[in-house]
Amino acid sequence: MGDKSPKSVNKKAVQKQSKANLSNQKKQQMTAAKQAAPAKKK
């Protein structure tokens, strides 16, 4: 079933990259929230 055409290979690469970007954004949001939380307590 493996479609090795350039179009499908590129599509899979783009999907993989966007998924990685999404997870990185979530991690950054979590760290930003953790850093902001102690500042609010003061």
Protein backbone atom coordinates (compact mmCIF):
# COMPACT_ATOMS: atom_id res chain seq x y z
CA MET A 1 0.00 0.00 0.00
CA GLY A 2 3.01 2.28 0.40
CA ASP A 3 2.61 5.17 -2.03
CA LYS A 4 6.10 6.48 -2.81
CA SER A 5 5.08 9.19 -5.27
CA PRO A 6 6.72 12.59 -4.59
CA LYS A 7 3.34 14.14 -3.92
CA SER A 8 2.41 11.71 -1.15
CA VAL A 9 5.92 11.73 0.33
CA ASN A 10 5.81 15.53 0.54
CA LYS A 11 2.33 15.46 2.04
CA LYS A 12 3.44 13.03 4.77
CA ALA A 13 6.50 15.16 5.51
CA VAL A 14 4.36 18.29 5.85
CA GLN A 15 1.93 16.52 8.16
CA LYS A 16 4.78 15.22 10.32
CA GLN A 17 6.32 18.70 10.52
CA SER A 18 3.04 20.39 11.45
CA LYS A 19 2.43 17.77 14.16
CA ALA A 20 5.89 18.44 15.58
CA ASN A 21 5.24 22.19 15.51
CA LEU A 22 1.96 21.71 17.38
CA SER A 23 3.59 19.69 20.15
CA ASN A 24 6.38 22.27 20.46
CA GLN A 25 3.83 25.07 20.77
CA LYS A 26 2.01 23.18 23.53
CA LYS A 27 5.28 22.65 25.40
CA GLN A 28 6.12 26.34 25.14
CA GLN A 29 2.67 27.30 26.40
CA MET A 30 3.04 24.95 29.36
CA THR A 31 6.45 26.34 30.31
CA ALA A 32 5.20 29.91 29.90
CA ALA A 33 2.24 29.15 32.16
CA LYS A 34 4.53 27.58 34.78
CA GLN A 35 6.81 30.61 34.69
CA ALA A 36 3.90 33.04 34.96
CA ALA A 37 2.25 31.22 37.87
CA PRO A 38 4.91 31.99 40.54
CA ALA A 39 4.92 35.65 39.55
CA LYS A 40 1.17 35.87 40.23
CA LYS A 41 1.60 34.53 43.77
CA LYS A 42 3.78 37.47 44.84
